[in-house]
Amino acid sequence: MSTTVETVSAAARTAPAAVIVAIDGPSGTGKSSTSKAVATQLGLSYLDTGAQYRAITWWMLNNGIDVHDAMEVATAAAKPVIVSGTDPTGPTITVDGEDASGPIRTQEVTSSVSAVSAVPEVRTRITELQRTIAESAEKGIVVEGRDIGTTVLPDADIKIFLTASPEARAARRSGEVKGSDLAATKEALIKRDAADSGRKTSPLAKADDAVEVDTTELTLQQVIECVVTLVGEKQAVK
């Protein structure tokens, strides 16, 4: 399927006020919490693209694939069947029919996902899946990730790029994992940023037409309100 065919256009969606919202940014900026809340509040579908990359990484690890062997990963990329539920109040993800929502959050997966997601064949496979899901969302969808506005959905109605200081991001991420070391968490985040921003295929980047929102000094509710306002403005002129 070509990029031209896959690119989601406004005309292809049936509901007049339907919008595709792309929310990008590095880990710890509040993407998931913000995206789910915005989708819930506006009655839109929701897709966590990072979970899909975690899912394929988990499958690789479980099936004896050397995640640091790009050729081996590329050969296996088309094998797992990944299904993402898009209800923002209870998003789900299965791999070959098995619930993977818990297993994909392990440290083993976290430390391997950048290597797997950097393989072009993996990105092509997952990008096709993401575009298909977005295209089928009749009422619109909030899609969060790292390359949504630049690569996956370049024609999204509105693009938002969340940022925050490394210190704020590390504090938030450490708060999510009991007993985690703040300094180590910050170091891991910076390392992940470098890997995601430096990869050749679809790197983490802000789209030229994205609205940047620095969440460092904002509460989650303030970020949600900001994004809801931006989306509402776009819906009003559609």
Protein backbone atom coordinates (compact mmCIF):
# COMPACT_ATOMS: atom_id res chain seq x y z
CA MET A 1 0.00 0.00 0.00
CA SER A 2 1.52 3.30 -1.04
CA THR A 3 1.94 6.34 1.14
CA THR A 4 -0.37 8.30 -1.14
CA VAL A 5 -3.17 5.81 -0.66
CA GLU A 6 -2.58 5.46 3.05
CA THR A 7 -2.45 9.13 3.91
CA VAL A 8 -5.65 10.03 5.72
CA SER A 9 -7.46 13.03 4.22
CA ALA A 10 -10.25 15.07 5.78
CA ALA A 11 -12.55 14.26 2.89
CA ALA A 12 -12.34 10.53 3.60
CA ARG A 13 -14.01 10.87 7.00
CA THR A 14 -17.77 10.86 7.20
CA ALA A 15 -18.48 12.96 10.30
CA PRO A 16 -18.19 16.72 9.56
CA ALA A 17 -16.59 17.48 12.93
CA ALA A 18 -14.35 14.42 12.95
CA VAL A 19 -10.73 15.29 13.54
CA ILE A 20 -7.45 13.44 13.56
CA VAL A 21 -5.25 14.71 16.36
CA ALA A 22 -1.54 13.86 16.37
CA ILE A 23 0.20 14.22 19.73
CA ASP A 24 3.95 13.65 19.67
CA GLY A 25 6.77 14.08 22.12
CA PRO A 26 9.35 12.20 24.19
CA SER A 27 8.60 10.02 27.21
CA GLY A 28 7.45 11.69 30.40
CA THR A 29 5.77 14.70 28.82
CA GLY A 30 2.27 13.51 29.63
CA LYS A 31 1.33 12.21 26.17
CA SER A 32 -0.65 9.16 27.26
CA SER A 33 -2.58 10.78 30.09
CA THR A 34 -3.34 13.84 28.00
CA SER A 35 -4.30 11.90 24.87
CA LYS A 36 -6.66 9.53 26.68
CA ALA A 37 -8.33 12.38 28.57
CA VAL A 38 -8.76 14.51 25.45
CA ALA A 39 -10.18 11.59 23.47
CA THR A 40 -12.59 10.73 26.29
CA GLN A 41 -13.74 14.32 26.72
CA LEU A 42 -14.32 14.85 22.99
CA GLY A 43 -15.77 11.43 22.22
CA LEU A 44 -12.89 10.40 19.96
CA SER A 45 -11.05 7.12 19.55
CA TYR A 46 -7.53 6.79 20.97
CA LEU A 47 -4.38 5.03 19.83
CA ASP A 48 -1.14 4.55 21.77
CA THR A 49 1.35 3.85 19.00
CA GLY A 50 4.16 3.28 21.48
CA ALA A 51 2.26 0.27 22.83
CA GLN A 52 2.33 -1.25 19.35
CA TYR A 53 6.11 -0.98 19.17
CA ARG A 54 6.32 -2.43 22.66
CA ALA A 55 4.03 -5.25 21.57
CA ILE A 56 6.15 -6.26 18.60
CA THR A 57 9.27 -6.00 20.80
CA TRP A 58 7.67 -8.26 23.40
CA TRP A 59 6.81 -10.77 20.69
CA MET A 60 10.40 -10.71 19.41
CA LEU A 61 11.78 -11.35 22.90
CA ASN A 62 9.29 -14.16 23.54
CA ASN A 63 10.09 -15.86 20.26
CA GLY A 64 13.86 -15.92 20.59
CA ILE A 65 14.56 -13.13 18.11
CA ASP A 66 17.84 -11.29 18.72
CA VAL A 67 16.47 -7.75 19.06
CA HIS A 68 19.91 -6.31 18.31
CA ASP A 69 20.15 -8.16 15.00
CA ALA A 70 18.37 -5.81 12.57
CA MET A 71 18.20 -8.41 9.81
CA GLU A 72 16.64 -11.01 12.11
CA VAL A 73 14.13 -8.47 13.42
CA ALA A 74 13.27 -7.36 9.88
CA THR A 75 12.60 -10.92 8.77
CA ALA A 76 10.22 -11.52 11.68
CA ALA A 77 8.43 -8.15 11.57
CA ALA A 78 5.40 -9.34 9.62
CA LYS A 79 4.69 -12.42 11.77
CA PRO A 80 2.88 -11.22 14.93
CA VAL A 81 -0.80 -10.22 14.74
CA ILE A 82 -1.21 -7.01 16.73
CA VAL A 83 -4.70 -5.68 17.53
CA SER A 84 -5.22 -2.35 19.30
CA GLY A 85 -8.48 -1.42 21.03
CA THR A 86 -9.22 2.31 20.66
CA ASP A 87 -11.56 3.02 23.59
CA PRO A 88 -9.75 5.77 25.53
CA THR A 89 -11.34 4.67 28.81
CA GLY A 90 -9.93 1.17 28.44
CA PRO A 91 -7.42 0.81 25.60
CA THR A 92 -6.34 -2.76 24.91
CA ILE A 93 -3.64 -4.49 22.91
CA THR A 94 -3.29 -8.14 22.00
CA VAL A 95 -0.56 -10.07 20.24
CA ASP A 96 -1.64 -13.27 18.47
CA GLY A 97 -4.83 -13.11 20.52
CA GLU A 98 -3.05 -12.79 23.88
CA ASP A 99 -3.53 -9.78 26.15
CA ALA A 100 -0.19 -7.95 26.14
CA SER A 101 -1.12 -4.77 28.02
CA GLY A 102 0.83 -5.82 31.13
CA PRO A 103 3.80 -7.71 29.66
CA ILE A 104 4.76 -4.90 27.28
CA ARG A 105 5.50 -2.58 30.21
CA THR A 106 8.36 -4.65 31.65
CA GLN A 107 11.89 -3.25 31.92
CA GLU A 108 13.12 -5.86 29.45
CA VAL A 109 10.76 -4.52 26.78
CA THR A 110 11.53 -0.91 27.69
CA SER A 111 15.26 -1.45 27.23
CA SER A 112 14.80 -3.18 23.86
CA VAL A 113 12.03 -1.20 22.16
CA SER A 114 14.27 1.50 20.67
CA ALA A 115 16.43 -1.09 18.90
CA VAL A 116 13.42 -2.92 17.47
CA SER A 117 11.52 0.22 16.46
CA ALA A 118 14.56 1.56 14.60
CA VAL A 119 14.35 -1.29 12.04
CA PRO A 120 12.71 0.09 8.85
CA GLU A 121 10.65 -3.05 8.24
CA VAL A 122 9.17 -2.78 11.72
CA ARG A 123 8.29 0.87 11.24
CA THR A 124 6.69 0.15 7.86
CA ARG A 125 4.58 -2.65 9.34
CA ILE A 126 3.43 -0.66 12.36
CA THR A 127 2.88 2.56 10.39
CA GLU A 128 0.52 0.74 8.01
CA LEU A 129 -1.40 -0.59 11.00
CA GLN A 130 -1.63 2.88 12.55
CA ARG A 131 -2.92 4.48 9.36
CA THR A 132 -5.55 1.79 8.92
CA ILE A 133 -6.82 2.36 12.47
CA ALA A 134 -6.90 6.15 12.04
CA GLU A 135 -8.71 5.87 8.72
CA SER A 136 -11.44 3.70 10.24
CA ALA A 137 -12.15 6.07 13.16
CA GLU A 138 -15.44 7.59 11.99
CA LYS A 139 -15.75 10.12 14.81
CA GLY A 140 -12.06 11.04 14.77
CA ILE A 141 -9.10 9.87 16.80
CA VAL A 142 -6.27 11.05 19.03
CA VAL A 143 -3.05 9.30 18.05
CA GLU A 144 -0.02 9.63 20.30
CA GLY A 145 3.56 8.74 19.53
CA ARG A 146 6.86 10.11 18.32
CA ASP A 147 6.49 10.46 14.55
CA ILE A 148 2.73 10.82 14.07
CA GLY A 149 2.66 14.39 12.78
CA THR A 150 5.79 14.00 10.67
CA THR A 151 5.45 10.51 9.18
CA VAL A 152 2.41 8.46 10.14
CA LEU A 153 -0.32 11.07 9.69
CA PRO A 154 1.24 14.11 8.01
CA ASP A 155 -2.25 15.34 7.05
CA ALA A 156 -3.60 15.22 10.61
CA ASP A 157 -6.05 18.05 11.31
CA ILE A 158 -4.07 19.24 14.28
CA LYS A 159 -0.58 18.38 15.46
CA ILE A 160 0.67 18.94 18.99
CA PHE A 161 4.20 18.37 20.27
CA LEU A 162 4.55 18.04 24.05
CA THR A 163 7.85 18.86 25.69
CA ALA A 164 9.16 19.12 29.26
CA SER A 165 12.52 19.43 30.99
CA PRO A 166 14.46 16.19 31.54
CA GLU A 167 14.12 16.71 35.29
CA ALA A 168 10.33 17.03 35.15
CA ARG A 169 10.00 14.05 32.85
CA ALA A 170 12.22 11.88 35.05
CA ALA A 171 10.25 12.86 38.16
CA ARG A 172 6.97 11.90 36.49
CA ARG A 173 8.27 8.61 35.20
CA SER A 174 9.84 7.72 38.55
CA GLY A 175 6.52 8.43 40.23
CA GLU A 176 4.91 5.81 37.98
CA VAL A 177 7.36 3.09 38.99
CA LYS A 178 7.73 2.39 42.71
CA GLY A 179 11.30 2.19 43.96
CA SER A 180 12.82 3.61 40.78
CA ASP A 181 15.96 5.74 40.97
CA LEU A 182 15.43 9.32 39.77
CA ALA A 183 18.95 9.80 38.40
CA ALA A 184 18.87 6.47 36.59
CA THR A 185 15.43 7.26 35.18
CA LYS A 186 16.66 10.61 33.85
CA GLU A 187 19.68 8.98 32.26
CA ALA A 188 17.48 6.32 30.63
CA LEU A 189 15.12 8.97 29.24
CA ILE A 190 17.96 10.98 27.74
CA LYS A 191 19.41 7.83 26.20
CA ARG A 192 16.01 6.91 24.74
CA ASP A 193 15.61 10.45 23.34
CA ALA A 194 18.98 10.20 21.61
CA ALA A 195 18.10 6.83 20.09
CA ASP A 196 14.66 7.91 18.91
CA SER A 197 15.79 11.30 17.59
CA GLY A 198 18.88 9.87 15.89
CA ARG A 199 17.37 6.90 14.04
CA LYS A 200 17.36 7.16 10.26
CA THR A 201 13.77 6.01 9.77
CA SER A 202 10.99 8.26 11.13
CA PRO A 203 12.91 9.87 14.01
CA LEU A 204 11.30 11.62 16.95
CA ALA A 205 10.75 15.14 15.64
CA LYS A 206 8.38 18.08 15.84
CA ALA A 207 6.37 18.68 12.66
CA ASP A 208 6.82 22.15 11.18
CA ASP A 209 3.10 22.90 11.63
CA ALA A 210 2.78 21.42 15.13
CA VAL A 211 1.82 23.47 18.18
CA GLU A 212 4.47 23.01 20.87
CA VAL A 213 3.25 22.80 24.46
CA ASP A 214 5.85 22.82 27.26
CA THR A 215 4.32 20.85 30.13
CA THR A 216 7.15 21.39 32.63
CA GLU A 217 5.27 23.88 34.79
CA LEU A 218 1.74 22.78 33.90
CA THR A 219 -0.57 20.42 35.74
CA LEU A 220 -2.04 17.54 33.78
CA GLN A 221 -5.44 19.23 33.83
CA GLN A 222 -3.95 22.42 32.37
CA VAL A 223 -2.35 20.46 29.54
CA ILE A 224 -5.63 18.65 28.83
CA GLU A 225 -7.55 21.94 28.77
CA CYS A 226 -4.99 23.45 26.40
CA VAL A 227 -5.23 20.56 23.95
CA VAL A 228 -9.04 20.38 24.15
CA THR A 229 -9.20 24.09 23.31
CA LEU A 230 -6.90 23.65 20.31
CA VAL A 231 -8.94 20.72 19.01
CA GLY A 232 -12.21 22.56 19.61
CA GLU A 233 -10.99 25.50 17.56
CA LYS A 234 -10.15 23.15 14.69
CA GLN A 235 -13.53 21.40 14.87
CA ALA A 236 -15.33 24.75 14.81
CA VAL A 237 -13.93 25.63 11.38
CA LYS A 238 -14.28 22.20 9.77
